[in-house]
Amino acid sequence: MDYLLDTHVCIWAIAEQNKLSAKVKKILHNPKNRFWVSKVSLFEIAVKLKVGKLTEFKTSFSEFVRSIYLSGYEMLPVKDEHLESYTIIDFEESHRDPFDRYLLAASHFENLAIITKDEKFEYYSKIINIIW
């Protein structure tokens, strides 16, 4: 199965696996599964590093990106179709995070399950397979 990792899950999968649920660890260790990290997640990490919101981040940004590739995760580029999907999805008004909204739109278009601990993603469980 193919999965899109939410930004925090990507960070935890690389650097803090103890924060992952047992279910997610099992999914991540299954060699039959394929994992995607959106370039938008990398942008979100860069923004949060710049404004000091990722104080627990213990590596350079470039080393972290290298670790993503070494882990066998694939990069999901920004596509026009993701942006079109963004304009079509009825987003929950209380869930205004543009990074999350983009990941939801991309996972919807690509038909990817999304792995996240963010409870706000449950609003979209009728159209997107949400895993935690």
C-alpha atoms as a PDB file:
ATOM      1  CA  MET A   1       0.000   0.000   0.000  1.00  0.00           C
ATOM      2  CA  ASP A   2       1.082   3.586  -0.557  1.00  0.00           C
ATOM      3  CA  TYR A   3       1.127   6.116   2.274  1.00  0.00           C
ATOM      4  CA  LEU A   4       1.769   9.841   2.576  1.00  0.00           C
ATOM      5  CA  LEU A   5       3.516  10.820   5.804  1.00  0.00           C
ATOM      6  CA  ASP A   6       2.257  13.900   7.598  1.00  0.00           C
ATOM      7  CA  THR A   7       5.118  16.250   8.451  1.00  0.00           C
ATOM      8  CA  HIS A   8       5.367  15.294  12.140  1.00  0.00           C
ATOM      9  CA  VAL A   9       5.237  11.593  11.235  1.00  0.00           C
ATOM     10  CA  CYS A  10       8.093  12.102   8.784  1.00  0.00           C
ATOM     11  CA  ILE A  11      10.176  13.733  11.527  1.00  0.00           C
ATOM     12  CA  TRP A  12       9.332  10.991  14.017  1.00  0.00           C
ATOM     13  CA  ALA A  13       9.958   8.190  11.514  1.00  0.00           C
ATOM     14  CA  ILE A  14      13.456   9.549  10.903  1.00  0.00           C
ATOM     15  CA  ALA A  15      14.448  10.826  14.340  1.00  0.00           C
ATOM     16  CA  GLU A  16      11.987   9.854  17.098  1.00  0.00           C
ATOM     17  CA  GLN A  17      10.384   6.491  16.365  1.00  0.00           C
ATOM     18  CA  ASN A  18       9.350   6.116  20.012  1.00  0.00           C
ATOM     19  CA  LYS A  19       6.616   8.710  19.307  1.00  0.00           C
ATOM     20  CA  LEU A  20       4.993   6.515  16.651  1.00  0.00           C
ATOM     21  CA  SER A  21       2.060   4.233  17.428  1.00  0.00           C
ATOM     22  CA  ALA A  22       2.617   0.471  17.303  1.00  0.00           C
ATOM     23  CA  LYS A  23       0.332   0.310  14.268  1.00  0.00           C
ATOM     24  CA  VAL A  24       2.379   2.925  12.405  1.00  0.00           C
ATOM     25  CA  LYS A  25       5.673   1.222  13.290  1.00  0.00           C
ATOM     26  CA  LYS A  26       4.325  -2.036  11.876  1.00  0.00           C
ATOM     27  CA  ILE A  27       3.244  -0.282   8.666  1.00  0.00           C
ATOM     28  CA  LEU A  28       6.612   1.488   8.331  1.00  0.00           C
ATOM     29  CA  HIS A  29       8.531  -1.765   8.727  1.00  0.00           C
ATOM     30  CA  ASN A  30       6.512  -3.661   6.130  1.00  0.00           C
ATOM     31  CA  PRO A  31       8.698  -3.843   2.984  1.00  0.00           C
ATOM     32  CA  LYS A  32       5.589  -4.193   0.801  1.00  0.00           C
ATOM     33  CA  ASN A  33       4.521  -0.648   1.669  1.00  0.00           C
ATOM     34  CA  ARG A  34       5.657   2.490  -0.109  1.00  0.00           C
ATOM     35  CA  PHE A  35       6.015   5.841   1.636  1.00  0.00           C
ATOM     36  CA  TRP A  36       5.829   9.356   0.277  1.00  0.00           C
ATOM     37  CA  VAL A  37       7.005  12.639   1.782  1.00  0.00           C
ATOM     38  CA  SER A  38       5.627  15.779   0.187  1.00  0.00           C
ATOM     39  CA  LYS A  39       7.968  18.582  -0.803  1.00  0.00           C
ATOM     40  CA  VAL A  40       5.439  20.759   1.028  1.00  0.00           C
ATOM     41  CA  SER A  41       6.374  18.952   4.257  1.00  0.00           C
ATOM     42  CA  LEU A  42       9.992  19.901   3.648  1.00  0.00           C
ATOM     43  CA  PHE A  43       8.889  23.504   3.166  1.00  0.00           C
ATOM     44  CA  GLU A  44       6.893  23.310   6.413  1.00  0.00           C
ATOM     45  CA  ILE A  45       9.949  21.987   8.266  1.00  0.00           C
ATOM     46  CA  ALA A  46      12.134  24.756   6.815  1.00  0.00           C
ATOM     47  CA  VAL A  47       9.600  27.415   7.862  1.00  0.00           C
ATOM     48  CA  LYS A  48       9.285  26.002  11.375  1.00  0.00           C
ATOM     49  CA  LEU A  49      13.059  25.748  11.757  1.00  0.00           C
ATOM     50  CA  LYS A  50      13.448  29.366  10.674  1.00  0.00           C
ATOM     51  CA  VAL A  51      10.909  30.659  13.202  1.00  0.00           C
ATOM     52  CA  GLY A  52      12.221  28.465  16.041  1.00  0.00           C
ATOM     53  CA  LYS A  53       9.249  26.074  16.333  1.00  0.00           C
ATOM     54  CA  LEU A  54      11.317  22.880  16.002  1.00  0.00           C
ATOM     55  CA  THR A  55      13.716  23.299  18.893  1.00  0.00           C
ATOM     56  CA  GLU A  56      13.938  19.506  19.315  1.00  0.00           C
ATOM     57  CA  PHE A  57      15.288  19.140  15.765  1.00  0.00           C
ATOM     58  CA  LYS A  58      18.802  17.774  16.265  1.00  0.00           C
ATOM     59  CA  THR A  59      20.210  17.770  12.739  1.00  0.00           C
ATOM     60  CA  SER A  60      20.708  20.157   9.860  1.00  0.00           C
ATOM     61  CA  PHE A  61      17.926  20.480   7.325  1.00  0.00           C
ATOM     62  CA  SER A  62      20.077  19.036   4.532  1.00  0.00           C
ATOM     63  CA  GLU A  63      21.082  16.048   6.681  1.00  0.00           C
ATOM     64  CA  PHE A  64      17.443  15.425   7.523  1.00  0.00           C
ATOM     65  CA  VAL A  65      16.485  15.432   3.831  1.00  0.00           C
ATOM     66  CA  ARG A  66      19.352  13.045   3.129  1.00  0.00           C
ATOM     67  CA  SER A  67      18.005  10.742   5.865  1.00  0.00           C
ATOM     68  CA  ILE A  68      14.595  10.724   4.180  1.00  0.00           C
ATOM     69  CA  TYR A  69      16.143   9.462   0.949  1.00  0.00           C
ATOM     70  CA  LEU A  70      18.322   6.933   2.793  1.00  0.00           C
ATOM     71  CA  SER A  71      15.210   5.581   4.515  1.00  0.00           C
ATOM     72  CA  GLY A  72      13.774   4.739   1.111  1.00  0.00           C
ATOM     73  CA  TYR A  73      10.958   7.262   1.272  1.00  0.00           C
ATOM     74  CA  GLU A  74       9.950   8.840  -2.004  1.00  0.00           C
ATOM     75  CA  MET A  75       9.453  12.551  -2.584  1.00  0.00           C
ATOM     76  CA  LEU A  76       6.058  13.699  -3.768  1.00  0.00           C
ATOM     77  CA  PRO A  77       6.441  16.849  -5.865  1.00  0.00           C
ATOM     78  CA  VAL A  78       3.916  19.658  -5.906  1.00  0.00           C
ATOM     79  CA  LYS A  79       1.576  19.049  -8.831  1.00  0.00           C
ATOM     80  CA  ASP A  80      -1.054  21.210 -10.485  1.00  0.00           C
ATOM     81  CA  GLU A  81      -3.575  18.463  -9.770  1.00  0.00           C
ATOM     82  CA  HIS A  82      -2.889  18.704  -6.034  1.00  0.00           C
ATOM     83  CA  LEU A  83      -3.610  22.411  -6.163  1.00  0.00           C
ATOM     84  CA  GLU A  84      -6.815  21.769  -8.106  1.00  0.00           C
ATOM     85  CA  SER A  85      -7.816  19.177  -5.494  1.00  0.00           C
ATOM     86  CA  TYR A  86      -7.106  21.810  -2.815  1.00  0.00           C
ATOM     87  CA  THR A  87      -9.740  24.072  -4.389  1.00  0.00           C
ATOM     88  CA  ILE A  88     -12.357  21.292  -4.520  1.00  0.00           C
ATOM     89  CA  ILE A  89     -12.164  19.705  -1.056  1.00  0.00           C
ATOM     90  CA  ASP A  90     -14.570  21.087   1.537  1.00  0.00           C
ATOM     91  CA  PHE A  91     -12.167  21.851   4.360  1.00  0.00           C
ATOM     92  CA  GLU A  92     -13.331  21.996   7.951  1.00  0.00           C
ATOM     93  CA  GLU A  93     -13.410  25.664   8.997  1.00  0.00           C
ATOM     94  CA  SER A  94     -11.604  24.955  12.287  1.00  0.00           C
ATOM     95  CA  HIS A  95      -8.756  23.227  10.432  1.00  0.00           C
ATOM     96  CA  ARG A  96      -7.027  26.162   8.780  1.00  0.00           C
ATOM     97  CA  ASP A  97      -3.417  24.909   8.575  1.00  0.00           C
ATOM     98  CA  PRO A  98      -2.440  25.389   4.895  1.00  0.00           C
ATOM     99  CA  PHE A  99       0.276  22.704   5.073  1.00  0.00           C
ATOM    100  CA  ASP A 100      -2.201  20.135   6.376  1.00  0.00           C
ATOM    101  CA  ARG A 101      -4.754  21.172   3.794  1.00  0.00           C
ATOM    102  CA  TYR A 102      -2.229  20.718   1.004  1.00  0.00           C
ATOM    103  CA  LEU A 103      -1.265  17.245   2.271  1.00  0.00           C
ATOM    104  CA  LEU A 104      -4.936  16.277   2.395  1.00  0.00           C
ATOM    105  CA  ALA A 105      -5.464  17.508  -1.165  1.00  0.00           C
ATOM    106  CA  ALA A 106      -2.373  15.679  -2.433  1.00  0.00           C
ATOM    107  CA  SER A 107      -3.311  12.438  -0.680  1.00  0.00           C
ATOM    108  CA  HIS A 108      -6.844  12.720  -2.050  1.00  0.00           C
ATOM    109  CA  PHE A 109      -5.664  13.225  -5.633  1.00  0.00           C
ATOM    110  CA  GLU A 110      -2.960  10.537  -5.440  1.00  0.00           C
ATOM    111  CA  ASN A 111      -5.261   8.122  -3.589  1.00  0.00           C
ATOM    112  CA  LEU A 112      -2.745   7.745  -0.756  1.00  0.00           C
ATOM    113  CA  ALA A 113      -3.588   6.887   2.825  1.00  0.00           C
ATOM    114  CA  ILE A 114      -2.153   9.539   5.113  1.00  0.00           C
ATOM    115  CA  ILE A 115      -0.362   8.682   8.347  1.00  0.00           C
ATOM    116  CA  THR A 116      -0.942  11.337  10.990  1.00  0.00           C
ATOM    117  CA  LYS A 117      -1.560  11.762  14.695  1.00  0.00           C
ATOM    118  CA  ASP A 118      -3.389  15.040  14.051  1.00  0.00           C
ATOM    119  CA  GLU A 119      -6.988  14.501  15.168  1.00  0.00           C
ATOM    120  CA  LYS A 120      -8.242  17.233  12.838  1.00  0.00           C
ATOM    121  CA  PHE A 121      -7.548  14.940   9.891  1.00  0.00           C
ATOM    122  CA  GLU A 122     -10.446  12.771  11.082  1.00  0.00           C
ATOM    123  CA  TYR A 123     -12.795  15.378   9.569  1.00  0.00           C
ATOM    124  CA  TYR A 124     -11.779  13.978   6.182  1.00  0.00           C
ATOM    125  CA  SER A 125     -11.985  10.254   6.913  1.00  0.00           C
ATOM    126  CA  LYS A 126     -14.914   9.840   4.497  1.00  0.00           C
ATOM    127  CA  ILE A 127     -12.730  10.795   1.535  1.00  0.00           C
ATOM    128  CA  ILE A 128      -9.193   9.954   2.710  1.00  0.00           C
ATOM    129  CA  ASN A 129      -7.882   6.903   4.562  1.00  0.00           C
ATOM    130  CA  ILE A 130      -6.441   8.308   7.815  1.00  0.00           C
ATOM    131  CA  ILE A 131      -4.001   6.061   9.713  1.00  0.00           C
ATOM    132  CA  TRP A 132      -2.662   6.286  13.250  1.00  0.00           C
END
